């Protein structure tokens, strides 16, 4: 009687979820970074426009005083 060779049980290959989680986290961080950058840019644009208007009025008032 011949013995059949016993095959070693092989576990199925399972893709680790860690890499996916890392990519999702990086994506979330990148989205947050872009949104923050956009908010800061909008704020700077608004304050620059306000500052330019103030300077124009200040320059106009200075000219009116000297005339």
Protein backbone atom coordinates (compact mmCIF):
# COMPACT_ATOMS: atom_id res chain seq x y z
CA UNK A 1 0.00 0.00 0.00
CA UNK A 2 1.49 3.28 -1.07
CA UNK A 3 0.97 6.39 0.91
CA UNK A 4 -0.25 9.42 -0.91
CA UNK A 5 1.97 12.43 -0.43
CA UNK A 6 0.38 14.87 1.96
CA UNK A 7 0.11 18.31 0.45
CA UNK A 8 0.86 21.19 2.73
CA UNK A 9 -2.15 23.34 3.25
CA UNK A 10 -1.57 26.65 1.58
CA UNK A 11 -3.39 29.67 2.85
CA UNK A 12 -5.05 31.69 0.12
CA UNK A 13 -3.21 34.88 -0.73
CA UNK A 14 -5.05 37.78 0.84
CA UNK A 15 -4.17 41.29 -0.17
CA UNK A 16 -3.30 43.22 2.96
CA UNK A 17 -5.64 46.04 3.85
CA UNK A 18 -2.84 48.09 5.33
CA UNK A 19 -1.66 49.42 1.97
CA UNK A 20 -5.19 50.44 1.06
CA UNK A 21 -5.64 52.21 4.39
CA UNK A 22 -2.36 54.06 3.92
CA UNK A 23 -3.44 55.23 0.45
CA UNK A 24 -6.84 56.33 1.77
CA UNK A 25 -5.18 58.23 4.62
CA UNK A 26 -2.74 59.93 2.26
CA UNK A 27 -5.63 60.86 -0.01
CA UNK A 28 -7.54 62.34 2.93
CA UNK A 29 -4.50 64.31 4.05
CA UNK A 30 -3.88 65.57 0.51
CA UNK A 31 -7.52 66.65 0.17
CA UNK A 32 -7.31 68.47 3.50
CA UNK A 33 -4.06 70.15 2.44
CA UNK A 34 -5.55 71.32 -0.87
CA UNK A 35 -8.72 72.61 0.81
CA UNK A 36 -6.67 74.46 3.43
CA UNK A 37 -4.47 75.97 0.73
CA UNK A 38 -7.57 77.13 -1.18
CA UNK A 39 -9.08 78.74 1.92
CA UNK A 40 -5.82 80.54 2.70
CA UNK A 41 -5.53 81.72 -0.91
CA UNK A 42 -9.10 83.06 -0.90
CA UNK A 43 -8.45 84.86 2.39
CA UNK A 44 -5.21 86.40 1.10
CA UNK A 45 -6.90 87.49 -2.12
CA UNK A 46 -9.73 89.15 -0.20
CA UNK A 47 -7.42 90.90 2.24
CA UNK A 48 -5.08 92.03 -0.56
CA UNK A 49 -8.03 93.57 -2.42
CA UNK A 50 -9.19 95.29 0.77
CA UNK A 51 -5.67 96.60 1.44
CA UNK A 52 -5.37 97.89 -2.13
CA UNK A 53 -8.68 99.75 -1.79
CA UNK A 54 -7.54 101.25 1.49
CA UNK A 55 -4.26 102.41 -0.04
CA UNK A 56 -6.03 103.95 -3.02
CA UNK A 57 -8.35 105.90 -0.72
CA UNK A 58 -5.42 106.93 1.46
CA UNK A 59 -3.46 108.14 -1.58
CA UNK A 60 -6.50 110.03 -2.87
CA UNK A 61 -6.99 111.69 0.55
CA UNK A 62 -3.30 112.64 0.63
CA UNK A 63 -3.55 114.24 -2.81
CA UNK A 64 -6.69 116.14 -1.76
CA UNK A 65 -4.85 117.54 1.27
CA UNK A 66 -1.91 118.74 -0.78
CA UNK A 67 -4.03 120.37 -3.52
